[in-house]
Amino acid sequence: MNLSTQIQKQIKRFPEGKTFGYPDLEIGRECYQSAAKVLERLQGKGLIKKMSNGVFYKPIKTAFGELKPDYNEQLRPFLYENGKRIAYVTGTYLYNQMGLTTQLAVRVKIASRSKRISINRGALKADAVKSYAEVTESNYALLGFLDAIKDIRKIPDTTVQNSVDILSAKIAEMDEKEIARLIKYALLYPPRVRALLGAMLENIGISESATKALLNSINPLTKIELGISNLDLATADKWNII
């Protein structure tokens, strides 16, 4: 099978509205230059469109014309490098998707450990922030969850108590393995994250032995000011949350 046929066959498998780059074509890097010519011909035929340097998409065809990929799909290429996830979307945009706020973000935040990712392309705008751990496909959702705890006082159009209730409900749906990983990554975050996570975990019945590492990581003289009390969160006092 020649390169052109191979690329067209691979693209045909992609759904409309999907963004893709050279690594998604399942070809060797030595073929990229030749692949660029194939992709240029496919653009000329209107089968694919170019979104940015090295990023293409299959347009969504409707009765009203062709549509670009949705917002999440447009962001996706910036979150990967050589086919591996290196970043994730965080901030108000993520917290809206988590049901923590109804407010929409004008600019999103993209967190990465290894790279600063800023975007300013038409409606697609993003600011770079540093993640607390190396980002992978298996941990980015947990890191986003911990970001929500970190920013709990800054989440717009809600209260700390409401966010605690929503996050606690989400934790209650996690299994033991996922909770253990959440605690592992929380140890990389500031004391307020470790304290509030520990308090929420114990408040929903997670054993003290599971939260011991979090408690031992916090200075017992440190007060965590979140504006909640034992009336709002029964375990607040133990974790020095005020």
Protein backbone atom coordinates (compact mmCIF):
# COMPACT_ATOMS: atom_id res chain seq x y z
CA MET A 1 0.00 0.00 0.00
CA ASN A 2 1.51 3.34 -1.02
CA LEU A 3 1.70 6.29 1.38
CA SER A 4 -1.15 8.26 -0.20
CA THR A 5 -3.55 5.33 -0.01
CA GLN A 6 -2.47 4.57 3.56
CA ILE A 7 -3.09 8.16 4.70
CA GLN A 8 -6.46 8.42 2.95
CA LYS A 9 -7.54 5.11 4.46
CA GLN A 10 -6.58 6.31 7.94
CA ILE A 11 -8.33 9.67 7.52
CA LYS A 12 -11.46 7.92 6.30
CA ARG A 13 -11.68 6.22 9.70
CA PHE A 14 -11.73 9.57 11.49
CA PRO A 15 -15.20 10.95 12.32
CA GLU A 16 -16.22 14.34 10.98
CA GLY A 17 -15.08 17.14 13.27
CA LYS A 18 -11.99 15.29 14.50
CA THR A 19 -8.68 17.10 14.58
CA PHE A 20 -5.53 15.16 13.76
CA GLY A 21 -1.81 15.57 13.20
CA TYR A 22 0.95 13.52 11.66
CA PRO A 23 1.29 11.14 14.65
CA ASP A 24 -2.41 10.20 14.23
CA LEU A 25 -1.73 8.98 10.70
CA GLU A 26 0.32 6.05 12.03
CA ILE A 27 3.28 6.73 9.78
CA GLY A 28 6.96 7.08 10.57
CA ARG A 29 8.53 10.51 11.05
CA GLU A 30 10.63 9.90 7.95
CA CYS A 31 7.38 9.98 5.95
CA TYR A 32 6.16 13.35 7.25
CA GLN A 33 7.54 15.39 4.35
CA SER A 34 5.88 13.16 1.77
CA ALA A 35 2.72 13.07 3.88
CA ALA A 36 2.56 16.88 3.80
CA LYS A 37 2.16 16.75 0.02
CA VAL A 38 -0.61 14.15 0.32
CA LEU A 39 -2.43 16.28 2.87
CA GLU A 40 -2.05 19.36 0.67
CA ARG A 41 -3.78 17.50 -2.19
CA LEU A 42 -6.59 16.38 0.15
CA GLN A 43 -7.06 19.98 1.24
CA GLY A 44 -7.34 20.99 -2.40
CA LYS A 45 -10.16 18.48 -2.81
CA GLY A 46 -11.92 19.83 0.28
CA LEU A 47 -11.70 16.50 2.10
CA ILE A 48 -9.76 18.00 5.01
CA LYS A 49 -9.05 21.50 6.31
CA LYS A 50 -5.97 22.94 7.97
CA MET A 51 -6.49 24.29 11.48
CA SER A 52 -2.92 25.29 12.30
CA ASN A 53 0.63 24.22 11.52
CA GLY A 54 0.61 20.42 11.46
CA VAL A 55 -3.02 20.16 12.62
CA PHE A 56 -5.92 19.29 10.30
CA TYR A 57 -9.57 18.28 10.63
CA LYS A 58 -12.40 16.66 8.74
CA PRO A 59 -15.08 19.32 8.34
CA ILE A 60 -18.57 18.57 9.65
CA LYS A 61 -20.91 18.70 6.68
CA THR A 62 -24.44 19.96 7.33
CA ALA A 63 -27.35 21.29 5.29
CA PHE A 64 -26.13 24.78 6.22
CA GLY A 65 -22.55 24.23 5.10
CA GLU A 66 -19.34 22.99 6.71
CA LEU A 67 -18.61 23.40 10.40
CA LYS A 68 -15.35 23.43 12.31
CA PRO A 69 -14.74 20.98 15.18
CA ASP A 70 -16.32 21.89 18.51
CA TYR A 71 -14.34 23.88 21.09
CA ASN A 72 -13.01 20.87 22.99
CA GLU A 73 -11.82 19.22 19.79
CA GLN A 74 -10.09 22.43 18.69
CA LEU A 75 -8.21 22.47 21.99
CA ARG A 76 -7.24 18.80 21.83
CA PRO A 77 -4.15 19.10 19.55
CA PHE A 78 -2.54 21.50 22.02
CA LEU A 79 -2.84 18.95 24.82
CA TYR A 80 -0.75 16.29 23.09
CA GLU A 81 2.80 16.01 21.81
CA ASN A 82 3.91 13.13 19.61
CA GLY A 83 0.67 11.36 20.40
CA LYS A 84 1.08 11.60 24.19
CA ARG A 85 -0.92 13.84 26.51
CA ILE A 86 1.22 16.56 28.07
CA ALA A 87 -1.46 19.02 29.20
CA TYR A 88 -5.07 19.46 30.25
CA VAL A 89 -7.66 22.22 30.43
CA THR A 90 -8.22 23.70 33.88
CA GLY A 91 -9.69 26.84 35.48
CA THR A 92 -13.26 28.12 35.09
CA TYR A 93 -13.80 26.25 31.81
CA LEU A 94 -13.12 22.92 33.55
CA TYR A 95 -15.10 23.86 36.67
CA ASN A 96 -18.09 24.66 34.49
CA GLN A 97 -17.86 21.19 32.94
CA MET A 98 -17.63 19.69 36.43
CA GLY A 99 -20.88 21.38 37.43
CA LEU A 100 -19.21 23.67 39.96
CA THR A 101 -20.20 26.92 38.26
CA THR A 102 -22.56 28.13 35.55
CA GLN A 103 -20.14 30.86 34.50
CA LEU A 104 -18.36 30.44 31.17
CA ALA A 105 -14.69 31.26 30.66
CA VAL A 106 -13.62 33.80 28.05
CA ARG A 107 -10.12 32.33 28.15
CA VAL A 108 -9.25 28.81 29.22
CA LYS A 109 -6.18 27.73 31.17
CA ILE A 110 -3.96 24.92 29.95
CA ALA A 111 -1.84 23.18 32.57
CA SER A 112 1.37 21.38 31.66
CA ARG A 113 4.53 20.45 33.51
CA SER A 114 6.88 20.35 30.56
CA LYS A 115 5.62 23.11 28.28
CA ARG A 116 4.02 26.56 28.35
CA ILE A 117 0.96 26.41 26.11
CA SER A 118 -0.67 29.73 25.23
CA ILE A 119 -3.21 30.19 22.42
CA ASN A 120 -4.51 33.34 20.76
CA ARG A 121 -6.23 32.30 17.54
CA GLY A 122 -9.61 33.89 16.90
CA ALA A 123 -12.11 32.57 19.43
CA LEU A 124 -9.55 30.06 20.70
CA LYS A 125 -7.70 31.72 23.57
CA ALA A 126 -5.79 30.06 26.41
CA ASP A 127 -3.27 30.98 29.09
CA ALA A 128 -0.50 28.67 30.26
CA VAL A 129 -0.26 27.49 33.87
CA LYS A 130 2.12 25.05 35.54
CA SER A 131 0.75 21.66 36.55
CA TYR A 132 1.79 20.12 39.85
CA ALA A 133 2.74 16.80 38.26
CA GLU A 134 3.80 15.45 34.89
CA VAL A 135 0.56 15.13 32.92
CA THR A 136 -0.50 11.76 31.47
CA GLU A 137 -3.65 10.29 29.98
CA SER A 138 -4.28 8.40 33.23
CA ASN A 139 -3.87 11.28 35.70
CA TYR A 140 -5.08 14.49 34.05
CA ALA A 141 -8.65 14.13 35.35
CA LEU A 142 -7.36 13.71 38.92
CA LEU A 143 -5.12 16.75 38.55
CA GLY A 144 -8.08 18.79 37.31
CA PHE A 145 -10.10 17.62 40.32
CA LEU A 146 -7.33 18.73 42.67
CA ASP A 147 -7.14 22.08 40.86
CA ALA A 148 -10.80 22.59 41.71
CA ILE A 149 -10.01 22.01 45.40
CA LYS A 150 -7.06 24.40 45.16
CA ASP A 151 -9.20 27.12 43.58
CA ILE A 152 -12.33 26.44 45.63
CA ARG A 153 -12.49 30.00 46.98
CA LYS A 154 -12.03 31.47 43.51
CA ILE A 155 -14.63 29.48 41.58
CA PRO A 156 -17.13 32.08 40.35
CA ASP A 157 -20.90 32.13 40.85
CA THR A 158 -20.95 29.60 43.70
CA THR A 159 -20.03 29.13 47.36
CA VAL A 160 -17.29 27.09 49.01
CA GLN A 161 -19.93 24.96 50.71
CA ASN A 162 -21.71 24.19 47.46
CA SER A 163 -18.41 23.22 45.81
CA VAL A 164 -17.50 21.01 48.79
CA ASP A 165 -20.82 19.20 48.46
CA ILE A 166 -20.39 18.62 44.72
CA LEU A 167 -16.76 17.50 45.02
CA SER A 168 -17.58 15.21 47.96
CA ALA A 169 -20.29 13.53 45.89
CA LYS A 170 -17.78 12.95 43.09
CA ILE A 171 -15.24 11.48 45.52
CA ALA A 172 -17.92 9.12 46.86
CA GLU A 173 -18.21 7.63 43.36
CA MET A 174 -14.48 6.81 43.18
CA ASP A 175 -13.13 3.37 43.97
CA GLU A 176 -10.31 2.71 46.47
CA LYS A 177 -7.62 2.64 43.80
CA GLU A 178 -8.69 5.98 42.36
CA ILE A 179 -8.86 7.55 45.82
CA ALA A 180 -5.35 6.27 46.58
CA ARG A 181 -4.06 7.92 43.40
CA LEU A 182 -5.92 11.13 44.24
CA ILE A 183 -4.17 11.23 47.63
CA LYS A 184 -0.81 10.50 45.98
CA TYR A 185 -1.10 13.52 43.68
CA ALA A 186 -2.63 15.72 46.40
CA LEU A 187 0.66 15.44 48.30
CA LEU A 188 2.21 17.56 45.53
CA TYR A 189 -0.34 20.34 46.08
CA PRO A 190 -0.46 23.17 48.70
CA PRO A 191 -1.54 22.43 52.31
CA ARG A 192 -5.08 23.75 51.74
CA VAL A 193 -5.65 21.09 49.09
CA ARG A 194 -4.31 18.29 51.29
CA ALA A 195 -6.36 19.47 54.26
CA LEU A 196 -9.65 19.89 52.44
CA LEU A 197 -9.27 16.62 50.57
CA GLY A 198 -8.52 14.81 53.82
CA ALA A 199 -11.53 16.41 55.52
CA MET A 200 -13.85 15.52 52.64
CA LEU A 201 -12.56 11.95 52.47
CA GLU A 202 -13.08 11.32 56.18
CA ASN A 203 -16.45 13.08 56.09
CA ILE A 204 -17.75 10.54 53.57
CA GLY A 205 -16.40 7.62 55.60
CA ILE A 206 -12.91 6.97 54.22
CA SER A 207 -10.72 5.51 56.97
CA GLU A 208 -8.12 7.55 58.85
CA SER A 209 -5.46 5.06 57.80
CA ALA A 210 -6.09 6.02 54.16
CA THR A 211 -5.80 9.75 54.91
CA LYS A 212 -2.83 9.45 57.29
CA ALA A 213 -0.28 10.58 54.68
CA LEU A 214 -2.29 13.75 54.06
CA LEU A 215 -2.60 14.55 57.77
CA ASN A 216 1.10 13.92 58.42
CA SER A 217 2.04 16.25 55.56
CA ILE A 218 0.35 19.26 57.16
CA ASN A 219 1.88 21.47 59.85
CA PRO A 220 -0.48 21.11 62.86
CA LEU A 221 -0.13 24.85 63.52
CA THR A 222 -1.28 25.80 60.03
CA LYS A 223 -4.83 27.16 59.79
CA ILE A 224 -6.62 26.64 56.48
CA GLU A 225 -8.98 29.58 55.90
CA LEU A 226 -11.86 28.50 53.69
CA GLY A 227 -14.80 30.08 55.47
CA ILE A 228 -16.41 26.80 56.52
CA SER A 229 -16.84 25.17 59.91
CA ASN A 230 -17.80 21.88 61.51
CA LEU A 231 -21.43 22.82 60.87
CA ASP A 232 -20.69 22.74 57.15
CA LEU A 233 -18.08 19.98 57.18
CA ALA A 234 -18.03 17.76 60.27
CA THR A 235 -14.30 17.01 59.98
CA ALA A 236 -13.19 20.64 59.49
CA ASP A 237 -11.75 21.13 63.00
CA LYS A 238 -9.54 18.05 62.83
CA TRP A 239 -7.95 19.36 59.64
CA ASN A 240 -7.56 22.92 60.99
CA ILE A 241 -10.04 24.27 58.47
CA ILE A 242 -11.75 27.50 59.50
